[in-house]
Amino acid sequence: MRMPRRWYDEGEDPDYRFTLANERTFLAWLRTGLALVGGAIVLAQLVPPFTIAGLRTGLAALLALSGTLLSAFSYRRWARVQWAMRTQKPLPATRLPIVIGWVAAAAGLVVLLVVLIRPL
């Protein structure tokens, strides 16, 4: 399902409630992306170095990259859903929740391991 160049001129305007719900979802994805980038900044600048060299930087980079990609792909998701509603097509599937879920789980697991192996 490829969207035409000027997709916002196609079809009919959907019920405004659905458009606003789609916008709220888009904004929630953006907030999540910003939170991931913010977590990366805090991790890189305020957290003391981990006992494993490079782990803090790697984890911060993973969070920053995830937040940046999520923010970028959230617009694409919003536009695809909006186009589907305008043209009365099925809503497109997305992998964003599972990818972000796994990234968050991996980051949490790393932090948990760091806390557990940290010398007292």
C-alpha atoms as a PDB file:
ATOM      1  CA  MET A   1       0.000   0.000   0.000  1.00  0.00           C
ATOM      2  CA  ARG A   2       1.947   2.974  -1.318  1.00  0.00           C
ATOM      3  CA  MET A   3       0.699   6.455  -0.547  1.00  0.00           C
ATOM      4  CA  PRO A   4       0.522   8.909  -3.428  1.00  0.00           C
ATOM      5  CA  ARG A   5       2.634  12.048  -3.353  1.00  0.00           C
ATOM      6  CA  ARG A   6      -0.198  14.296  -2.184  1.00  0.00           C
ATOM      7  CA  TRP A   7      -2.057  11.796  -0.016  1.00  0.00           C
ATOM      8  CA  TYR A   8      -3.776  14.495   2.027  1.00  0.00           C
ATOM      9  CA  ASP A   9      -5.837  15.510  -1.034  1.00  0.00           C
ATOM     10  CA  GLU A  10      -7.192  12.009  -1.589  1.00  0.00           C
ATOM     11  CA  GLY A  11     -10.430  10.560  -0.292  1.00  0.00           C
ATOM     12  CA  GLU A  12     -12.683  12.192   2.256  1.00  0.00           C
ATOM     13  CA  ASP A  13     -11.966  13.880   5.540  1.00  0.00           C
ATOM     14  CA  PRO A  14     -12.411  11.272   8.292  1.00  0.00           C
ATOM     15  CA  ASP A  15     -14.419  11.933  11.414  1.00  0.00           C
ATOM     16  CA  TYR A  16     -12.428  14.548  13.342  1.00  0.00           C
ATOM     17  CA  ARG A  17     -12.415  12.337  16.449  1.00  0.00           C
ATOM     18  CA  PHE A  18     -10.380   9.708  14.615  1.00  0.00           C
ATOM     19  CA  THR A  19      -8.022  12.325  13.226  1.00  0.00           C
ATOM     20  CA  LEU A  20      -7.478  13.739  16.709  1.00  0.00           C
ATOM     21  CA  ALA A  21      -6.962  10.247  18.154  1.00  0.00           C
ATOM     22  CA  ASN A  22      -4.364   9.573  15.459  1.00  0.00           C
ATOM     23  CA  GLU A  23      -2.669  12.864  16.327  1.00  0.00           C
ATOM     24  CA  ARG A  24      -2.612  11.990  20.038  1.00  0.00           C
ATOM     25  CA  THR A  25      -0.976   8.662  19.205  1.00  0.00           C
ATOM     26  CA  PHE A  26       1.611  10.480  17.089  1.00  0.00           C
ATOM     27  CA  LEU A  27       2.348  12.845  19.964  1.00  0.00           C
ATOM     28  CA  ALA A  28       2.672   9.911  22.365  1.00  0.00           C
ATOM     29  CA  TRP A  29       5.266   8.338  20.059  1.00  0.00           C
ATOM     30  CA  LEU A  30       7.123  11.655  19.967  1.00  0.00           C
ATOM     31  CA  ARG A  31       7.079  11.901  23.774  1.00  0.00           C
ATOM     32  CA  THR A  32       8.441   8.380  24.020  1.00  0.00           C
ATOM     33  CA  GLY A  33      11.205   9.220  21.546  1.00  0.00           C
ATOM     34  CA  LEU A  34      12.109  12.352  23.496  1.00  0.00           C
ATOM     35  CA  ALA A  35      12.132  10.372  26.749  1.00  0.00           C
ATOM     36  CA  LEU A  36      14.551   7.863  25.230  1.00  0.00           C
ATOM     37  CA  VAL A  37      16.856  10.655  24.033  1.00  0.00           C
ATOM     38  CA  GLY A  38      16.574  12.344  27.441  1.00  0.00           C
ATOM     39  CA  GLY A  39      17.457   9.069  29.143  1.00  0.00           C
ATOM     40  CA  ALA A  40      20.491   8.773  26.893  1.00  0.00           C
ATOM     41  CA  ILE A  41      21.649  12.256  27.877  1.00  0.00           C
ATOM     42  CA  VAL A  42      21.197  11.550  31.579  1.00  0.00           C
ATOM     43  CA  LEU A  43      22.982   8.224  31.256  1.00  0.00           C
ATOM     44  CA  ALA A  44      25.915   9.709  29.352  1.00  0.00           C
ATOM     45  CA  GLN A  45      26.311  12.865  31.448  1.00  0.00           C
ATOM     46  CA  LEU A  46      25.144  12.157  34.993  1.00  0.00           C
ATOM     47  CA  VAL A  47      25.567   8.442  35.686  1.00  0.00           C
ATOM     48  CA  PRO A  48      28.996   7.335  36.948  1.00  0.00           C
ATOM     49  CA  PRO A  49      30.928   4.981  34.654  1.00  0.00           C
ATOM     50  CA  PHE A  50      29.956   1.318  34.823  1.00  0.00           C
ATOM     51  CA  THR A  51      32.459  -1.334  35.816  1.00  0.00           C
ATOM     52  CA  ILE A  52      32.349  -2.661  32.248  1.00  0.00           C
ATOM     53  CA  ALA A  53      34.217  -0.209  29.995  1.00  0.00           C
ATOM     54  CA  GLY A  54      32.098   1.331  27.233  1.00  0.00           C
ATOM     55  CA  LEU A  55      28.819  -0.114  28.471  1.00  0.00           C
ATOM     56  CA  ARG A  56      27.428   3.233  29.634  1.00  0.00           C
ATOM     57  CA  THR A  57      28.280   4.876  26.317  1.00  0.00           C
ATOM     58  CA  GLY A  58      26.874   1.964  24.327  1.00  0.00           C
ATOM     59  CA  LEU A  59      23.644   1.957  26.282  1.00  0.00           C
ATOM     60  CA  ALA A  60      23.301   5.739  25.920  1.00  0.00           C
ATOM     61  CA  ALA A  61      23.904   5.421  22.169  1.00  0.00           C
ATOM     62  CA  LEU A  62      21.259   2.695  21.909  1.00  0.00           C
ATOM     63  CA  LEU A  63      18.719   4.877  23.715  1.00  0.00           C
ATOM     64  CA  ALA A  64      19.567   7.958  21.641  1.00  0.00           C
ATOM     65  CA  LEU A  65      19.371   6.051  18.366  1.00  0.00           C
ATOM     66  CA  SER A  66      16.099   4.396  19.373  1.00  0.00           C
ATOM     67  CA  GLY A  67      14.545   7.715  20.358  1.00  0.00           C
ATOM     68  CA  THR A  68      15.667   9.383  17.159  1.00  0.00           C
ATOM     69  CA  LEU A  69      14.376   6.586  14.933  1.00  0.00           C
ATOM     70  CA  LEU A  70      11.111   6.374  16.833  1.00  0.00           C
ATOM     71  CA  SER A  71      10.536  10.090  16.389  1.00  0.00           C
ATOM     72  CA  ALA A  72      11.266   9.840  12.672  1.00  0.00           C
ATOM     73  CA  PHE A  73       9.104   6.775  12.065  1.00  0.00           C
ATOM     74  CA  SER A  74       6.221   8.121  14.147  1.00  0.00           C
ATOM     75  CA  TYR A  75       5.443  10.732  11.486  1.00  0.00           C
ATOM     76  CA  ARG A  76       5.406   8.037   8.820  1.00  0.00           C
ATOM     77  CA  ARG A  77       3.032   5.989  10.962  1.00  0.00           C
ATOM     78  CA  TRP A  78       0.743   8.983  11.518  1.00  0.00           C
ATOM     79  CA  ALA A  79       0.631   9.768   7.770  1.00  0.00           C
ATOM     80  CA  ARG A  80      -0.071   6.152   6.782  1.00  0.00           C
ATOM     81  CA  VAL A  81      -2.930   5.873   9.278  1.00  0.00           C
ATOM     82  CA  GLN A  82      -4.350   9.229   8.212  1.00  0.00           C
ATOM     83  CA  TRP A  83      -4.210   8.196   4.543  1.00  0.00           C
ATOM     84  CA  ALA A  84      -5.869   4.859   5.320  1.00  0.00           C
ATOM     85  CA  MET A  85      -8.697   6.648   7.131  1.00  0.00           C
ATOM     86  CA  ARG A  86      -9.121   9.149   4.269  1.00  0.00           C
ATOM     87  CA  THR A  87      -9.313   6.394   1.642  1.00  0.00           C
ATOM     88  CA  GLN A  88     -11.237   3.939   3.856  1.00  0.00           C
ATOM     89  CA  LYS A  89      -8.512   1.301   3.622  1.00  0.00           C
ATOM     90  CA  PRO A  90      -7.468  -1.055   6.444  1.00  0.00           C
ATOM     91  CA  LEU A  91      -5.141   0.502   8.999  1.00  0.00           C
ATOM     92  CA  PRO A  92      -1.514  -0.418   8.312  1.00  0.00           C
ATOM     93  CA  ALA A  93       0.367  -2.711  10.654  1.00  0.00           C
ATOM     94  CA  THR A  94       3.419  -1.411  12.487  1.00  0.00           C
ATOM     95  CA  ARG A  95       6.432  -2.962  14.177  1.00  0.00           C
ATOM     96  CA  LEU A  96       7.155   0.113  16.288  1.00  0.00           C
ATOM     97  CA  PRO A  97       5.675  -1.211  19.554  1.00  0.00           C
ATOM     98  CA  ILE A  98       7.572  -4.494  19.478  1.00  0.00           C
ATOM     99  CA  VAL A  99      10.868  -2.861  18.497  1.00  0.00           C
ATOM    100  CA  ILE A 100      10.641  -0.183  21.170  1.00  0.00           C
ATOM    101  CA  GLY A 101       9.468  -2.771  23.690  1.00  0.00           C
ATOM    102  CA  TRP A 102      12.516  -4.939  23.039  1.00  0.00           C
ATOM    103  CA  VAL A 103      14.880  -1.958  23.145  1.00  0.00           C
ATOM    104  CA  ALA A 104      13.421  -0.856  26.484  1.00  0.00           C
ATOM    105  CA  ALA A 105      13.609  -4.418  27.826  1.00  0.00           C
ATOM    106  CA  ALA A 106      17.230  -4.755  26.707  1.00  0.00           C
ATOM    107  CA  ALA A 107      18.159  -1.416  28.288  1.00  0.00           C
ATOM    108  CA  GLY A 108      16.396  -2.395  31.505  1.00  0.00           C
ATOM    109  CA  LEU A 109      18.151  -5.745  31.578  1.00  0.00           C
ATOM    110  CA  VAL A 110      21.557  -4.093  31.125  1.00  0.00           C
ATOM    111  CA  VAL A 111      20.845  -1.636  33.935  1.00  0.00           C
ATOM    112  CA  LEU A 112      19.650  -4.484  36.169  1.00  0.00           C
ATOM    113  CA  LEU A 113      22.808  -6.478  35.485  1.00  0.00           C
ATOM    114  CA  VAL A 114      24.985  -3.437  36.173  1.00  0.00           C
ATOM    115  CA  VAL A 115      23.230  -2.877  39.489  1.00  0.00           C
ATOM    116  CA  LEU A 116      23.547  -6.536  40.469  1.00  0.00           C
ATOM    117  CA  ILE A 117      27.258  -6.856  39.621  1.00  0.00           C
ATOM    118  CA  ARG A 118      28.244  -3.438  40.966  1.00  0.00           C
ATOM    119  CA  PRO A 119      30.651  -3.737  43.878  1.00  0.00           C
ATOM    120  CA  LEU A 120      29.361  -2.332  47.152  1.00  0.00           C
END
